[in-house]
C-alpha atoms as a PDB file:
ATOM      1  CA  MET A   1     -18.753 -61.321 -13.206  1.00  0.00           C
ATOM      2  CA  THR A   2     -17.790 -57.734 -12.535  1.00  0.00           C
ATOM      3  CA  GLN A   3     -19.591 -55.641  -9.923  1.00  0.00           C
ATOM      4  CA  ALA A   4     -21.329 -53.659 -12.666  1.00  0.00           C
ATOM      5  CA  GLU A   5     -22.579 -56.874 -14.328  1.00  0.00           C
ATOM      6  CA  ILE A   6     -23.816 -58.296 -11.010  1.00  0.00           C
ATOM      7  CA  GLN A   7     -25.682 -55.077 -10.144  1.00  0.00           C
ATOM      8  CA  LYS A   8     -27.205 -54.911 -13.642  1.00  0.00           C
ATOM      9  CA  LEU A   9     -28.395 -58.535 -13.448  1.00  0.00           C
ATOM     10  CA  ALA A  10     -29.772 -57.986  -9.940  1.00  0.00           C
ATOM     11  CA  SER A  11     -31.660 -54.851 -10.986  1.00  0.00           C
ATOM     12  CA  GLU A  12     -33.197 -56.719 -13.922  1.00  0.00           C
ATOM     13  CA  ILE A  13     -34.368 -59.891 -12.161  1.00  0.00           C
ATOM     14  CA  ILE A  14     -34.942 -59.163  -8.445  1.00  0.00           C
ATOM     15  CA  GLY A  15     -38.633 -59.579  -7.734  1.00  0.00           C
ATOM     16  CA  ASP A  16     -39.625 -60.587 -11.274  1.00  0.00           C
ATOM     17  CA  GLY A  17     -41.216 -63.822  -9.982  1.00  0.00           C
ATOM     18  CA  GLN A  18     -39.613 -66.053 -12.592  1.00  0.00           C
ATOM     19  CA  ALA A  19     -37.634 -69.292 -12.265  1.00  0.00           C
ATOM     20  CA  PRO A  20     -34.977 -70.349 -11.562  1.00  0.00           C
ATOM     21  CA  ASN A  21     -34.790 -68.411  -8.328  1.00  0.00           C
ATOM     22  CA  GLN A  22     -31.498 -66.649  -7.548  1.00  0.00           C
ATOM     23  CA  TRP A  23     -30.387 -64.680  -4.494  1.00  0.00           C
ATOM     24  CA  PHE A  24     -28.239 -61.553  -4.091  1.00  0.00           C
ATOM     25  CA  VAL A  25     -26.608 -60.072  -0.981  1.00  0.00           C
ATOM     26  CA  THR A  26     -26.354 -56.284  -1.020  1.00  0.00           C
ATOM     27  CA  LEU A  27     -24.255 -54.158   1.327  1.00  0.00           C
ATOM     28  CA  SER A  28     -25.018 -50.454   1.560  1.00  0.00           C
ATOM     29  CA  PRO A  29     -23.910 -47.513   3.698  1.00  0.00           C
ATOM     30  CA  TYR A  30     -27.461 -46.604   4.738  1.00  0.00           C
ATOM     31  CA  ILE A  31     -28.246 -46.525   8.442  1.00  0.00           C
ATOM     32  CA  ARG A  32     -31.538 -45.750  10.110  1.00  0.00           C
ATOM     33  CA  VAL A  33     -31.905 -42.774  12.400  1.00  0.00           C
ATOM     34  CA  GLU A  34     -34.519 -43.094  15.097  1.00  0.00           C
ATOM     35  CA  ASN A  35     -35.867 -40.387  17.378  1.00  0.00           C
ATOM     36  CA  GLU A  36     -39.009 -40.089  19.485  1.00  0.00           C
ATOM     37  CA  ASP A  37     -41.121 -39.128  16.476  1.00  0.00           C
ATOM     38  CA  ASP A  38     -40.068 -41.328  13.578  1.00  0.00           C
ATOM     39  CA  CYS A  39     -37.468 -43.449  11.846  1.00  0.00           C
ATOM     40  CA  ALA A  40     -35.722 -42.419   8.627  1.00  0.00           C
ATOM     41  CA  LEU A  41     -32.724 -43.338   6.498  1.00  0.00           C
ATOM     42  CA  ILE A  42     -29.629 -41.179   6.631  1.00  0.00           C
ATOM     43  CA  GLU A  43     -29.212 -39.403   3.337  1.00  0.00           C
ATOM     44  CA  GLY A  44     -26.130 -38.452   1.383  1.00  0.00           C
ATOM     45  CA  TYR A  45     -25.499 -41.761  -0.329  1.00  0.00           C
ATOM     46  CA  ASN A  46     -26.564 -43.087  -3.687  1.00  0.00           C
ATOM     47  CA  GLU A  47     -27.000 -46.526  -5.212  1.00  0.00           C
ATOM     48  CA  LYS A  48     -23.404 -46.479  -6.493  1.00  0.00           C
ATOM     49  CA  ASP A  49     -22.290 -46.780  -2.843  1.00  0.00           C
ATOM     50  CA  ALA A  50     -23.897 -50.244  -2.589  1.00  0.00           C
ATOM     51  CA  TYR A  51     -22.021 -53.491  -3.268  1.00  0.00           C
ATOM     52  CA  THR A  52     -23.794 -56.665  -4.433  1.00  0.00           C
ATOM     53  CA  HIS A  53     -22.654 -60.292  -4.119  1.00  0.00           C
ATOM     54  CA  GLY A  54     -24.181 -63.060  -6.199  1.00  0.00           C
ATOM     55  CA  PRO A  55     -26.036 -64.519  -7.867  1.00  0.00           C
ATOM     56  CA  PHE A  56     -26.409 -67.455  -5.506  1.00  0.00           C
ATOM     57  CA  ASP A  57     -28.319 -70.568  -6.582  1.00  0.00           C
ATOM     58  CA  ASN A  58     -29.707 -71.280  -3.096  1.00  0.00           C
ATOM     59  CA  TYR A  59     -30.716 -69.380   0.011  1.00  0.00           C
ATOM     60  CA  GLU A  60     -28.180 -71.130   2.261  1.00  0.00           C
ATOM     61  CA  ASP A  61     -25.233 -69.799   0.218  1.00  0.00           C
ATOM     62  CA  ALA A  62     -26.698 -66.273   0.368  1.00  0.00           C
ATOM     63  CA  VAL A  63     -27.069 -66.585   4.167  1.00  0.00           C
ATOM     64  CA  ASP A  64     -23.442 -67.753   4.457  1.00  0.00           C
ATOM     65  CA  CYS A  65     -22.354 -64.672   2.486  1.00  0.00           C
ATOM     66  CA  LEU A  66     -24.522 -62.408   4.652  1.00  0.00           C
ATOM     67  CA  ASP A  67     -23.081 -63.941   7.836  1.00  0.00           C
ATOM     68  CA  ASP A  68     -19.581 -63.073   6.596  1.00  0.00           C
ATOM     69  CA  GLN A  69     -20.508 -59.366   6.392  1.00  0.00           C
ATOM     70  CA  GLU A  70     -19.962 -57.147   9.404  1.00  0.00           C
ATOM     71  CA  LEU A  71     -22.023 -54.029   9.949  1.00  0.00           C
ATOM     72  CA  ASP A  72     -19.545 -51.215  10.546  1.00  0.00           C
ATOM     73  CA  ILE A  73     -20.291 -47.629   9.528  1.00  0.00           C
ATOM     74  CA  LYS A  74     -16.569 -46.874   9.650  1.00  0.00           C
ATOM     75  CA  TYR A  75     -16.148 -49.130   6.600  1.00  0.00           C
ATOM     76  CA  GLY A  76     -19.344 -47.948   4.898  1.00  0.00           C
ATOM     77  CA  VAL A  77     -21.551 -50.921   5.748  1.00  0.00           C
ATOM     78  CA  GLY A  78     -24.707 -49.770   7.501  1.00  0.00           C
ATOM     79  CA  SER A  79     -27.089 -52.406   6.172  1.00  0.00           C
ATOM     80  CA  VAL A  80     -27.078 -55.815   4.510  1.00  0.00           C
ATOM     81  CA  SER A  81     -29.979 -57.474   2.714  1.00  0.00           C
ATOM     82  CA  ILE A  82     -30.813 -60.668   0.849  1.00  0.00           C
ATOM     83  CA  GLU A  83     -33.034 -60.236  -2.190  1.00  0.00           C
ATOM     84  CA  ASP A  84     -34.319 -62.933  -4.507  1.00  0.00           C
ATOM     85  CA  ARG A  85     -35.872 -63.303  -7.896  1.00  0.00           C
ATOM     86  CA  GLN A  86     -39.208 -64.589  -6.622  1.00  0.00           C
ATOM     87  CA  CYS A  87     -40.327 -61.868  -4.222  1.00  0.00           C
ATOM     88  CA  GLY A  88     -37.585 -59.249  -3.698  1.00  0.00           C
ATOM     89  CA  THR A  89     -36.222 -58.513  -0.234  1.00  0.00           C
ATOM     90  CA  VAL A  90     -36.372 -61.551   2.050  1.00  0.00           C
ATOM     91  CA  TYR A  91     -33.980 -60.525   4.863  1.00  0.00           C
ATOM     92  CA  GLU A  92     -32.448 -57.266   6.128  1.00  0.00           C
ATOM     93  CA  LYS A  93     -30.241 -56.190   8.992  1.00  0.00           C
ATOM     94  CA  TRP A  94     -29.069 -52.648   9.683  1.00  0.00           C
ATOM     95  CA  LEU A  95     -27.469 -50.262  12.129  1.00  0.00           C
ATOM     96  CA  THR A  96     -29.768 -47.821  13.905  1.00  0.00           C
ATOM     97  CA  LYS A  97     -28.561 -44.503  15.276  1.00  0.00           C
ATOM     98  CA  LYS A  98     -30.850 -43.607  18.180  1.00  0.00           C
ATOM     99  CA  VAL A  99     -31.173 -39.899  18.783  1.00  0.00           C
ATOM    100  CA  LYS A 100     -32.433 -38.605  22.095  1.00  0.00           C
ATOM    101  CA  VAL A 101     -33.393 -34.940  22.133  1.00  0.00           C
ATOM    102  CA  VAL A 102     -32.450 -33.137  25.331  1.00  0.00           C
ATOM    103  CA  TYR A 103     -33.463 -29.511  25.872  1.00  0.00           C
ATOM    104  CA  GLU A 104     -31.281 -27.398  28.095  1.00  0.00           C
ATOM    105  CA  GLU A 105     -31.705 -23.786  29.067  1.00  0.00           C
ATOM    106  CA  ASP A 106     -28.852 -21.543  27.988  1.00  0.00           C
ATOM    107  CA  SER A 107     -28.218 -17.807  27.899  1.00  0.00           C
ATOM    108  CA  HIS A 108     -25.713 -15.181  26.914  1.00  0.00           C
ATOM    109  CA  ASP A 109     -25.393 -11.912  28.832  1.00  0.00           C
ATOM    110  CA  ASP A 110     -23.541  -8.920  27.379  1.00  0.00           C
ATOM    111  CA  SER A 111     -25.194  -6.367  29.678  1.00  0.00           C
ATOM    112  CA  ARG A 112     -21.913  -5.794  31.522  1.00  0.00           C
ATOM    113  CA  LEU A 113     -20.626  -4.118  28.344  1.00  0.00           C
ATOM    114  CA  PHE A 114     -23.426  -1.550  28.355  1.00  0.00           C
ATOM    115  CA  TYR A 115     -24.326  -0.974  32.008  1.00  0.00           C
ATOM    116  CA  LYS A 116     -22.083  -0.435  35.014  1.00  0.00           C
ATOM    117  CA  SER A 117     -23.095  -2.022  38.264  1.00  0.00           C
END
């Protein structure tokens, strides 16, 4: 199957609750950004940036595929998930960028240009 056919099949059957169950492994460039207040996904990507493997006939094969995937933002893989036909997303792992806000005092003084000491 081509990538377009796999993604179309996945979008049609993931979470539909029907049998036989099938599993898909999806890689996407999304990473989570966490600060003291909340957690959000980094934006700037769309669904076309995701890559889907499958369908797999059993969970073990999907896990083997997931284990072969390395999270590396340099190569556009920020998260990996396993989704199935019965209930949707069953496993996810992702990179988290933790942001710590530090406030520092700063100033700029141009008074020397206007006043002589």
